[in-house]
Amino acid sequence: MVLNYTHVDPQQTLARRQESTSSVPNKVLDHVVGSKQAGLAFFDQAMVLLEELRRTQAGIIQKAAELCAERISRGGLVFLFGNGHSRMMCEEMTPRQGCYAGFVALVELALSNHASIVGTNGLRAPLYLENYEGYAEQILRSFHFGPHDAFIVISTSGIRPVVVEMAAGAQQRGLPVIAIVSQAHCEQAKPAHSSGKKLIDCADLIIDNQCPPGDCIIELDGLEWRTGPVSTITGATIINMIRCATAEALLARGVKPVLLPSHQFVGNASAAEQLEAFYEAYRKSLKHLFE
């Protein structure tokens, strides 16, 4: 048996979904909504959370985008930091088709290159390092941040010392911090930093990714732990909402972002030229970091 798990009311959101999909044949809806298969249960629950994300977080996401646009339009950079799996959200923003100069993925390989799981580049070392106080400051000291820069710090739990200190270190440098976090998890979990602070204590704007504590949303008979983590889905949606809204806000300010085009169009001269233009715009945007 599959048990759906979420911290929002699925019936209310499913009712809204059914209203918006009234043109779909009933037997198709009945199959998707009523199925007890784990895969379809995950899909339904993910859609519930995405609906809740739109309902509750759209306003704060727009505020975050306006902040990013204001910073980028003044020559600043918006850095994205996440350790472990949260690194994926940094690279969802940039480099990615449709991205543009102004966002920088601050990816520390020692904290996120763990695909081997065991042995060299395994999982044990990054899990240890993310709890090592003082590590984030060593990363920050490698850059000369400008007065118009900003940070987006991504962590579903929001309690590990490296993310807390990354956010706090950015604020100490006078940079605004946007946190993407599971408020349900962060508020319930004990702090891991000796100061007692969590990511939500070191952020100017907080975007709730709607994930339940532990991230996973599906329970199966025979398994002691849930499966089906959903933070990738809600997190990537948040990132792309910020990206699109920031581009719109930049255009409204008279600033045309230089986009990274799809480079899969073989032989397309205009795409090749645009790619070179993106490289150059990105290179110039980093200038103040190393002066």
C-alpha atoms as a PDB file:
ATOM      1  CA  MET A   1       0.000   0.000   0.000  1.00  0.00           C
ATOM      2  CA  VAL A   2       1.184   3.533  -0.799  1.00  0.00           C
ATOM      3  CA  LEU A   3       0.646   6.294   1.741  1.00  0.00           C
ATOM      4  CA  ASN A   4       0.776   9.821   0.349  1.00  0.00           C
ATOM      5  CA  TYR A   5       2.516  12.291   2.640  1.00  0.00           C
ATOM      6  CA  THR A   6       2.524  16.060   2.500  1.00  0.00           C
ATOM      7  CA  HIS A   7       2.145  18.973   4.913  1.00  0.00           C
ATOM      8  CA  VAL A   8      -0.588  20.661   2.862  1.00  0.00           C
ATOM      9  CA  ASP A   9      -4.210  19.663   2.306  1.00  0.00           C
ATOM     10  CA  PRO A  10      -4.187  17.603  -0.902  1.00  0.00           C
ATOM     11  CA  GLN A  11      -7.976  17.588  -1.268  1.00  0.00           C
ATOM     12  CA  GLN A  12      -8.173  21.363  -1.623  1.00  0.00           C
ATOM     13  CA  THR A  13      -5.384  21.463  -4.171  1.00  0.00           C
ATOM     14  CA  LEU A  14      -6.690  18.455  -6.098  1.00  0.00           C
ATOM     15  CA  ALA A  15     -10.071  20.190  -6.302  1.00  0.00           C
ATOM     16  CA  ARG A  16      -8.364  23.196  -7.891  1.00  0.00           C
ATOM     17  CA  ARG A  17      -6.541  20.885 -10.296  1.00  0.00           C
ATOM     18  CA  GLN A  18      -9.762  19.153 -11.290  1.00  0.00           C
ATOM     19  CA  GLU A  19     -11.427  22.492 -11.976  1.00  0.00           C
ATOM     20  CA  SER A  20      -8.533  23.531 -14.232  1.00  0.00           C
ATOM     21  CA  THR A  21      -8.549  20.195 -16.090  1.00  0.00           C
ATOM     22  CA  SER A  22     -12.294  19.787 -16.586  1.00  0.00           C
ATOM     23  CA  SER A  23     -11.744  19.234 -20.323  1.00  0.00           C
ATOM     24  CA  VAL A  24      -9.792  16.025 -19.650  1.00  0.00           C
ATOM     25  CA  PRO A  25     -11.874  12.818 -19.912  1.00  0.00           C
ATOM     26  CA  ASN A  26     -13.058  11.681 -16.487  1.00  0.00           C
ATOM     27  CA  LYS A  27     -11.664   8.177 -16.858  1.00  0.00           C
ATOM     28  CA  VAL A  28      -8.164   9.622 -17.355  1.00  0.00           C
ATOM     29  CA  LEU A  29      -8.457  11.813 -14.263  1.00  0.00           C
ATOM     30  CA  ASP A  30      -9.846   8.923 -12.239  1.00  0.00           C
ATOM     31  CA  HIS A  31      -6.912   6.748 -13.238  1.00  0.00           C
ATOM     32  CA  VAL A  32      -4.301   9.321 -12.256  1.00  0.00           C
ATOM     33  CA  VAL A  33      -5.907  10.595  -9.057  1.00  0.00           C
ATOM     34  CA  GLY A  34      -7.197   7.286  -7.783  1.00  0.00           C
ATOM     35  CA  SER A  35      -4.232   5.079  -8.576  1.00  0.00           C
ATOM     36  CA  LYS A  36      -2.336   3.394  -5.744  1.00  0.00           C
ATOM     37  CA  GLN A  37       0.809   2.924  -7.802  1.00  0.00           C
ATOM     38  CA  ALA A  38       3.804   4.550  -6.147  1.00  0.00           C
ATOM     39  CA  GLY A  39       4.967   6.373  -9.264  1.00  0.00           C
ATOM     40  CA  LEU A  40       1.610   8.037  -9.856  1.00  0.00           C
ATOM     41  CA  ALA A  41       1.215   8.771  -6.150  1.00  0.00           C
ATOM     42  CA  PHE A  42       4.538  10.629  -6.266  1.00  0.00           C
ATOM     43  CA  PHE A  43       3.401  12.563  -9.344  1.00  0.00           C
ATOM     44  CA  ASP A  44       0.162  13.615  -7.664  1.00  0.00           C
ATOM     45  CA  GLN A  45       1.857  14.689  -4.468  1.00  0.00           C
ATOM     46  CA  ALA A  46       4.512  16.633  -6.384  1.00  0.00           C
ATOM     47  CA  MET A  47       1.747  18.478  -8.238  1.00  0.00           C
ATOM     48  CA  VAL A  48       0.052  19.273  -4.925  1.00  0.00           C
ATOM     49  CA  LEU A  49       3.253  20.844  -3.652  1.00  0.00           C
ATOM     50  CA  LEU A  50       3.812  22.794  -6.868  1.00  0.00           C
ATOM     51  CA  GLU A  51       0.285  24.188  -6.627  1.00  0.00           C
ATOM     52  CA  GLU A  52       0.941  25.170  -3.029  1.00  0.00           C
ATOM     53  CA  LEU A  53       4.251  26.719  -4.056  1.00  0.00           C
ATOM     54  CA  ARG A  54       2.469  28.916  -6.574  1.00  0.00           C
ATOM     55  CA  ARG A  55      -0.275  29.857  -4.119  1.00  0.00           C
ATOM     56  CA  THR A  56       1.965  30.744  -1.183  1.00  0.00           C
ATOM     57  CA  GLN A  57       5.367  31.712  -2.588  1.00  0.00           C
ATOM     58  CA  ALA A  58       4.736  33.575  -5.855  1.00  0.00           C
ATOM     59  CA  GLY A  59       4.876  36.958  -4.162  1.00  0.00           C
ATOM     60  CA  ILE A  60       8.149  36.371  -2.330  1.00  0.00           C
ATOM     61  CA  ILE A  61       9.684  34.821  -5.466  1.00  0.00           C
ATOM     62  CA  GLN A  62       8.792  38.006  -7.362  1.00  0.00           C
ATOM     63  CA  LYS A  63      10.438  40.083  -4.613  1.00  0.00           C
ATOM     64  CA  ALA A  64      13.547  37.922  -4.922  1.00  0.00           C
ATOM     65  CA  ALA A  65      13.587  38.430  -8.688  1.00  0.00           C
ATOM     66  CA  GLU A  66      13.230  42.198  -8.288  1.00  0.00           C
ATOM     67  CA  LEU A  67      16.173  42.180  -5.878  1.00  0.00           C
ATOM     68  CA  CYS A  68      18.267  40.145  -8.343  1.00  0.00           C
ATOM     69  CA  ALA A  69      17.368  42.475 -11.214  1.00  0.00           C
ATOM     70  CA  GLU A  70      18.211  45.562  -9.171  1.00  0.00           C
ATOM     71  CA  ARG A  71      21.623  44.104  -8.310  1.00  0.00           C
ATOM     72  CA  ILE A  72      22.467  42.838 -11.792  1.00  0.00           C
ATOM     73  CA  SER A  73      21.338  46.087 -13.449  1.00  0.00           C
ATOM     74  CA  ARG A  74      23.892  47.948 -11.304  1.00  0.00           C
ATOM     75  CA  GLY A  75      26.743  45.652 -12.310  1.00  0.00           C
ATOM     76  CA  GLY A  76      26.400  43.291  -9.370  1.00  0.00           C
ATOM     77  CA  LEU A  77      26.373  39.513  -9.271  1.00  0.00           C
ATOM     78  CA  VAL A  78      23.964  37.106  -7.618  1.00  0.00           C
ATOM     79  CA  PHE A  79      25.818  34.107  -6.191  1.00  0.00           C
ATOM     80  CA  LEU A  80      24.100  30.777  -5.647  1.00  0.00           C
ATOM     81  CA  PHE A  81      25.468  28.413  -3.028  1.00  0.00           C
ATOM     82  CA  GLY A  82      24.312  24.957  -2.068  1.00  0.00           C
ATOM     83  CA  ASN A  83      26.194  21.949  -0.831  1.00  0.00           C
ATOM     84  CA  GLY A  84      25.376  18.312  -1.495  1.00  0.00           C
ATOM     85  CA  HIS A  85      22.322  17.802  -3.671  1.00  0.00           C
ATOM     86  CA  SER A  86      21.467  21.503  -3.457  1.00  0.00           C
ATOM     87  CA  ARG A  87      24.351  22.113  -5.831  1.00  0.00           C
ATOM     88  CA  MET A  88      21.965  21.040  -8.590  1.00  0.00           C
ATOM     89  CA  MET A  89      19.843  24.127  -7.999  1.00  0.00           C
ATOM     90  CA  CYS A  90      22.909  26.347  -8.489  1.00  0.00           C
ATOM     91  CA  GLU A  91      23.630  24.743 -11.845  1.00  0.00           C
ATOM     92  CA  GLU A  92      19.960  24.839 -12.787  1.00  0.00           C
ATOM     93  CA  MET A  93      20.369  28.607 -12.741  1.00  0.00           C
ATOM     94  CA  THR A  94      23.737  28.737 -14.496  1.00  0.00           C
ATOM     95  CA  PRO A  95      25.237  27.512 -16.782  1.00  0.00           C
ATOM     96  CA  ARG A  96      21.949  26.442 -18.372  1.00  0.00           C
ATOM     97  CA  GLN A  97      20.167  27.140 -21.639  1.00  0.00           C
ATOM     98  CA  GLY A  98      18.353  30.434 -21.199  1.00  0.00           C
ATOM     99  CA  CYS A  99      20.654  31.635 -18.415  1.00  0.00           C
ATOM    100  CA  TYR A 100      22.440  34.957 -18.619  1.00  0.00           C
ATOM    101  CA  ALA A 101      25.336  36.888 -17.150  1.00  0.00           C
ATOM    102  CA  GLY A 102      24.703  38.116 -13.615  1.00  0.00           C
ATOM    103  CA  PHE A 103      24.208  34.811 -11.819  1.00  0.00           C
ATOM    104  CA  VAL A 104      27.203  32.838 -10.524  1.00  0.00           C
ATOM    105  CA  ALA A 105      27.098  29.234  -9.308  1.00  0.00           C
ATOM    106  CA  LEU A 106      29.386  29.147  -6.278  1.00  0.00           C
ATOM    107  CA  VAL A 107      29.976  25.381  -6.335  1.00  0.00           C
ATOM    108  CA  GLU A 108      32.558  23.931  -3.962  1.00  0.00           C
ATOM    109  CA  LEU A 109      33.475  20.498  -5.318  1.00  0.00           C
ATOM    110  CA  ALA A 110      34.641  19.197  -1.940  1.00  0.00           C
ATOM    111  CA  LEU A 111      31.073  19.625  -0.690  1.00  0.00           C
ATOM    112  CA  SER A 112      29.189  18.283  -3.688  1.00  0.00           C
ATOM    113  CA  ASN A 113      31.308  15.842  -5.713  1.00  0.00           C
ATOM    114  CA  HIS A 114      30.161  12.655  -4.027  1.00  0.00           C
ATOM    115  CA  ALA A 115      28.781  10.446  -6.788  1.00  0.00           C
ATOM    116  CA  SER A 116      31.162   7.594  -5.937  1.00  0.00           C
ATOM    117  CA  ILE A 117      29.413   7.258  -2.530  1.00  0.00           C
ATOM    118  CA  VAL A 118      32.331   5.232  -1.091  1.00  0.00           C
ATOM    119  CA  GLY A 119      36.071   5.537  -1.594  1.00  0.00           C
ATOM    120  CA  THR A 120      37.684   8.567  -3.224  1.00  0.00           C
ATOM    121  CA  ASN A 121      35.168  11.392  -3.791  1.00  0.00           C
ATOM    122  CA  GLY A 122      32.672   9.476  -1.684  1.00  0.00           C
ATOM    123  CA  LEU A 123      29.851  10.723   0.506  1.00  0.00           C
ATOM    124  CA  ARG A 124      31.474  10.597   3.957  1.00  0.00           C
ATOM    125  CA  ALA A 125      33.878  13.511   3.456  1.00  0.00           C
ATOM    126  CA  PRO A 126      31.303  16.053   2.159  1.00  0.00           C
ATOM    127  CA  LEU A 127      28.900  15.130   4.956  1.00  0.00           C
ATOM    128  CA  TYR A 128      31.731  15.790   7.415  1.00  0.00           C
ATOM    129  CA  LEU A 129      32.831  19.060   5.804  1.00  0.00           C
ATOM    130  CA  GLU A 130      29.346  20.582   5.737  1.00  0.00           C
ATOM    131  CA  ASN A 131      29.398  20.398   9.544  1.00  0.00           C
ATOM    132  CA  TYR A 132      32.880  21.946   9.872  1.00  0.00           C
ATOM    133  CA  GLU A 133      32.586  25.459  11.251  1.00  0.00           C
ATOM    134  CA  GLY A 134      34.764  28.049   9.552  1.00  0.00           C
ATOM    135  CA  TYR A 135      34.818  26.331   6.159  1.00  0.00           C
ATOM    136  CA  ALA A 136      32.382  28.729   4.474  1.00  0.00           C
ATOM    137  CA  GLU A 137      34.480  31.737   5.470  1.00  0.00           C
ATOM    138  CA  GLN A 138      37.491  30.269   3.670  1.00  0.00           C
ATOM    139  CA  ILE A 139      35.405  30.068   0.488  1.00  0.00           C
ATOM    140  CA  LEU A 140      34.158  33.627   0.870  1.00  0.00           C
ATOM    141  CA  ARG A 141      37.662  35.011   1.443  1.00  0.00           C
ATOM    142  CA  SER A 142      38.634  33.929  -2.079  1.00  0.00           C
ATOM    143  CA  PHE A 143      36.527  36.729  -3.607  1.00  0.00           C
ATOM    144  CA  HIS A 144      36.367  40.505  -3.533  1.00  0.00           C
ATOM    145  CA  PHE A 145      32.617  41.018  -3.473  1.00  0.00           C
ATOM    146  CA  GLY A 146      31.145  44.246  -4.768  1.00  0.00           C
ATOM    147  CA  PRO A 147      28.580  46.516  -3.084  1.00  0.00           C
ATOM    148  CA  HIS A 148      25.833  45.422  -5.490  1.00  0.00           C
ATOM    149  CA  ASP A 149      26.287  41.656  -5.178  1.00  0.00           C
ATOM    150  CA  ALA A 150      23.774  39.319  -3.496  1.00  0.00           C
ATOM    151  CA  PHE A 151      23.438  35.688  -2.456  1.00  0.00           C
ATOM    152  CA  ILE A 152      20.948  32.877  -2.890  1.00  0.00           C
ATOM    153  CA  VAL A 153      21.657  30.091  -0.402  1.00  0.00           C
ATOM    154  CA  ILE A 154      19.876  26.790  -1.003  1.00  0.00           C
ATOM    155  CA  SER A 155      19.368  24.087   1.605  1.00  0.00           C
ATOM    156  CA  THR A 156      16.267  22.020   2.267  1.00  0.00           C
ATOM    157  CA  SER A 157      17.192  21.439   5.923  1.00  0.00           C
ATOM    158  CA  GLY A 158      18.794  24.840   6.479  1.00  0.00           C
ATOM    159  CA  ILE A 159      20.719  23.729   9.556  1.00  0.00           C
ATOM    160  CA  ARG A 160      24.234  22.691   8.480  1.00  0.00           C
ATOM    161  CA  PRO A 161      27.054  25.016   9.588  1.00  0.00           C
ATOM    162  CA  VAL A 162      28.387  25.589   6.070  1.00  0.00           C
ATOM    163  CA  VAL A 163      25.085  27.041   4.771  1.00  0.00           C
ATOM    164  CA  VAL A 164      24.462  29.018   7.960  1.00  0.00           C
ATOM    165  CA  GLU A 165      27.940  30.544   7.820  1.00  0.00           C
ATOM    166  CA  MET A 166      27.721  31.193   4.075  1.00  0.00           C
ATOM    167  CA  ALA A 167      24.564  33.231   4.594  1.00  0.00           C
ATOM    168  CA  ALA A 168      25.888  34.958   7.708  1.00  0.00           C
ATOM    169  CA  GLY A 169      29.186  35.716   5.981  1.00  0.00           C
ATOM    170  CA  ALA A 170      27.384  37.303   3.050  1.00  0.00           C
ATOM    171  CA  GLN A 171      25.292  39.466   5.373  1.00  0.00           C
ATOM    172  CA  GLN A 172      28.394  40.527   7.287  1.00  0.00           C
ATOM    173  CA  ARG A 173      29.752  41.800   3.960  1.00  0.00           C
ATOM    174  CA  GLY A 174      26.595  43.863   3.468  1.00  0.00           C
ATOM    175  CA  LEU A 175      25.078  41.550   0.856  1.00  0.00           C
ATOM    176  CA  PRO A 176      21.380  40.607   0.926  1.00  0.00           C
ATOM    177  CA  VAL A 177      20.633  36.894   1.235  1.00  0.00           C
ATOM    178  CA  ILE A 178      17.756  34.964  -0.303  1.00  0.00           C
ATOM    179  CA  ALA A 179      17.210  31.546   1.295  1.00  0.00           C
ATOM    180  CA  ILE A 180      15.500  28.644  -0.475  1.00  0.00           C
ATOM    181  CA  VAL A 181      14.643  26.206   2.299  1.00  0.00           C
ATOM    182  CA  SER A 182      12.005  23.888   3.683  1.00  0.00           C
ATOM    183  CA  GLN A 183      10.569  25.972   6.495  1.00  0.00           C
ATOM    184  CA  ALA A 184       8.820  22.924   7.934  1.00  0.00           C
ATOM    185  CA  HIS A 185      12.099  21.037   8.209  1.00  0.00           C
ATOM    186  CA  CYS A 186      14.227  23.992   9.281  1.00  0.00           C
ATOM    187  CA  GLU A 187      11.850  25.142  11.998  1.00  0.00           C
ATOM    188  CA  GLN A 188      11.445  21.652  13.480  1.00  0.00           C
ATOM    189  CA  ALA A 189      15.087  20.538  13.303  1.00  0.00           C
ATOM    190  CA  LYS A 190      17.655  21.249  15.995  1.00  0.00           C
ATOM    191  CA  PRO A 191      20.392  23.670  14.892  1.00  0.00           C
ATOM    192  CA  ALA A 192      23.726  22.085  14.018  1.00  0.00           C
ATOM    193  CA  HIS A 193      25.741  25.304  14.363  1.00  0.00           C
ATOM    194  CA  SER A 194      27.226  26.160  17.757  1.00  0.00           C
ATOM    195  CA  SER A 195      25.599  29.612  17.616  1.00  0.00           C
ATOM    196  CA  GLY A 196      22.152  28.019  17.561  1.00  0.00           C
ATOM    197  CA  LYS A 197      21.373  29.769  14.285  1.00  0.00           C
ATOM    198  CA  LYS A 198      19.773  28.263  11.207  1.00  0.00           C
ATOM    199  CA  LEU A 199      19.603  29.471   7.610  1.00  0.00           C
ATOM    200  CA  ILE A 200      16.256  31.158   8.240  1.00  0.00           C
ATOM    201  CA  ASP A 201      17.973  33.295  10.895  1.00  0.00           C
ATOM    202  CA  CYS A 202      20.505  34.617   8.367  1.00  0.00           C
ATOM    203  CA  ALA A 203      18.303  35.500   5.393  1.00  0.00           C
ATOM    204  CA  ASP A 204      16.627  38.694   4.213  1.00  0.00           C
ATOM    205  CA  LEU A 205      14.090  36.824   2.066  1.00  0.00           C
ATOM    206  CA  ILE A 206      12.923  33.268   2.702  1.00  0.00           C
ATOM    207  CA  ILE A 207      11.382  31.125  -0.037  1.00  0.00           C
ATOM    208  CA  ASP A 208       9.742  27.954   1.274  1.00  0.00           C
ATOM    209  CA  ASN A 209      10.274  25.038  -1.122  1.00  0.00           C
ATOM    210  CA  GLN A 210       7.237  23.315   0.441  1.00  0.00           C
ATOM    211  CA  CYS A 211       9.084  20.066   1.193  1.00  0.00           C
ATOM    212  CA  PRO A 212       8.102  18.107   4.306  1.00  0.00           C
ATOM    213  CA  PRO A 213      10.724  17.274   6.935  1.00  0.00           C
ATOM    214  CA  GLY A 214      13.049  14.714   5.411  1.00  0.00           C
ATOM    215  CA  ASP A 215      12.140  15.743   1.832  1.00  0.00           C
ATOM    216  CA  CYS A 216      10.594  12.391   0.824  1.00  0.00           C
ATOM    217  CA  ILE A 217       6.824  12.153   0.334  1.00  0.00           C
ATOM    218  CA  ILE A 218       5.997   8.462  -0.265  1.00  0.00           C
ATOM    219  CA  GLU A 219       5.670   5.699   2.326  1.00  0.00           C
ATOM    220  CA  LEU A 220       5.587   2.050   1.272  1.00  0.00           C
ATOM    221  CA  ASP A 221       4.693  -0.949   3.384  1.00  0.00           C
ATOM    222  CA  GLY A 222       7.900  -2.851   4.067  1.00  0.00           C
ATOM    223  CA  LEU A 223      10.147   0.221   4.120  1.00  0.00           C
ATOM    224  CA  GLU A 224      11.034   1.988   7.355  1.00  0.00           C
ATOM    225  CA  TRP A 225      11.988   5.213   5.596  1.00  0.00           C
ATOM    226  CA  ARG A 226      10.125   7.289   3.026  1.00  0.00           C
ATOM    227  CA  THR A 227      11.233   7.545  -0.601  1.00  0.00           C
ATOM    228  CA  GLY A 228      10.465  10.063  -3.343  1.00  0.00           C
ATOM    229  CA  PRO A 229      12.380  13.252  -2.476  1.00  0.00           C
ATOM    230  CA  VAL A 230      10.651  16.260  -3.978  1.00  0.00           C
ATOM    231  CA  SER A 231      13.023  19.182  -3.337  1.00  0.00           C
ATOM    232  CA  THR A 232      14.548  18.881  -6.821  1.00  0.00           C
ATOM    233  CA  ILE A 233      11.159  19.483  -8.420  1.00  0.00           C
ATOM    234  CA  THR A 234      10.081  22.407  -6.256  1.00  0.00           C
ATOM    235  CA  GLY A 235      13.602  23.811  -6.078  1.00  0.00           C
ATOM    236  CA  ALA A 236      14.140  23.810  -9.844  1.00  0.00           C
ATOM    237  CA  THR A 237      10.741  25.444 -10.277  1.00  0.00           C
ATOM    238  CA  ILE A 238      11.700  28.221  -7.865  1.00  0.00           C
ATOM    239  CA  ILE A 239      15.020  28.754  -9.637  1.00  0.00           C
ATOM    240  CA  ASN A 240      13.379  29.054 -13.045  1.00  0.00           C
ATOM    241  CA  MET A 241      10.665  31.363 -11.726  1.00  0.00           C
ATOM    242  CA  ILE A 242      13.400  33.636 -10.355  1.00  0.00           C
ATOM    243  CA  ARG A 243      15.350  33.449 -13.621  1.00  0.00           C
ATOM    244  CA  CYS A 244      12.366  34.324 -15.830  1.00  0.00           C
ATOM    245  CA  ALA A 245      11.059  37.054 -13.541  1.00  0.00           C
ATOM    246  CA  THR A 246      14.535  38.582 -13.203  1.00  0.00           C
ATOM    247  CA  ALA A 247      14.940  38.719 -16.993  1.00  0.00           C
ATOM    248  CA  GLU A 248      11.560  40.436 -17.252  1.00  0.00           C
ATOM    249  CA  ALA A 249      12.517  42.945 -14.552  1.00  0.00           C
ATOM    250  CA  LEU A 250      15.862  43.656 -16.230  1.00  0.00           C
ATOM    251  CA  LEU A 251      14.125  44.405 -19.527  1.00  0.00           C
ATOM    252  CA  ALA A 252      11.779  46.756 -17.696  1.00  0.00           C
ATOM    253  CA  ARG A 253      14.880  48.590 -16.472  1.00  0.00           C
ATOM    254  CA  GLY A 254      16.215  48.868 -20.000  1.00  0.00           C
ATOM    255  CA  VAL A 255      18.845  46.152 -19.490  1.00  0.00           C
ATOM    256  CA  LYS A 256      18.895  43.359 -22.051  1.00  0.00           C
ATOM    257  CA  PRO A 257      20.448  40.205 -20.561  1.00  0.00           C
ATOM    258  CA  VAL A 258      22.902  38.268 -22.735  1.00  0.00           C
ATOM    259  CA  LEU A 259      21.475  34.746 -22.844  1.00  0.00           C
ATOM    260  CA  LEU A 260      23.179  31.401 -23.245  1.00  0.00           C
ATOM    261  CA  PRO A 261      21.468  29.853 -26.293  1.00  0.00           C
ATOM    262  CA  SER A 262      20.933  26.182 -26.955  1.00  0.00           C
ATOM    263  CA  HIS A 263      24.163  24.979 -28.541  1.00  0.00           C
ATOM    264  CA  GLN A 264      22.543  21.836 -29.928  1.00  0.00           C
ATOM    265  CA  PHE A 265      21.619  23.457 -33.246  1.00  0.00           C
ATOM    266  CA  VAL A 266      24.545  22.131 -35.282  1.00  0.00           C
ATOM    267  CA  GLY A 267      25.673  24.554 -37.961  1.00  0.00           C
ATOM    268  CA  ASN A 268      23.540  27.438 -36.684  1.00  0.00           C
ATOM    269  CA  ALA A 269      25.825  30.456 -37.075  1.00  0.00           C
ATOM    270  CA  SER A 270      23.640  32.809 -35.023  1.00  0.00           C
ATOM    271  CA  ALA A 271      23.608  30.376 -32.075  1.00  0.00           C
ATOM    272  CA  ALA A 272      27.413  30.107 -32.252  1.00  0.00           C
ATOM    273  CA  GLU A 273      27.741  33.898 -32.264  1.00  0.00           C
ATOM    274  CA  GLN A 274      25.349  34.218 -29.322  1.00  0.00           C
ATOM    275  CA  LEU A 275      27.351  31.627 -27.386  1.00  0.00           C
ATOM    276  CA  GLU A 276      30.516  33.688 -27.852  1.00  0.00           C
ATOM    277  CA  ALA A 277      28.637  36.815 -26.791  1.00  0.00           C
ATOM    278  CA  PHE A 278      27.507  35.038 -23.623  1.00  0.00           C
ATOM    279  CA  TYR A 279      31.067  33.956 -22.802  1.00  0.00           C
ATOM    280  CA  GLU A 280      32.286  37.534 -23.162  1.00  0.00           C
ATOM    281  CA  ALA A 281      29.442  39.039 -21.132  1.00  0.00           C
ATOM    282  CA  TYR A 282      29.994  36.491 -18.370  1.00  0.00           C
ATOM    283  CA  ARG A 283      33.750  37.147 -18.336  1.00  0.00           C
ATOM    284  CA  LYS A 284      33.227  40.892 -17.993  1.00  0.00           C
ATOM    285  CA  SER A 285      30.640  40.445 -15.224  1.00  0.00           C
ATOM    286  CA  LEU A 286      33.238  38.772 -12.986  1.00  0.00           C
ATOM    287  CA  LYS A 287      35.808  41.550 -13.224  1.00  0.00           C
ATOM    288  CA  HIS A 288      35.325  43.110  -9.791  1.00  0.00           C
ATOM    289  CA  LEU A 289      35.727  39.801  -7.953  1.00  0.00           C
ATOM    290  CA  PHE A 290      39.450  39.628  -8.519  1.00  0.00           C
ATOM    291  CA  GLU A 291      40.479  43.292  -8.508  1.00  0.00           C
END
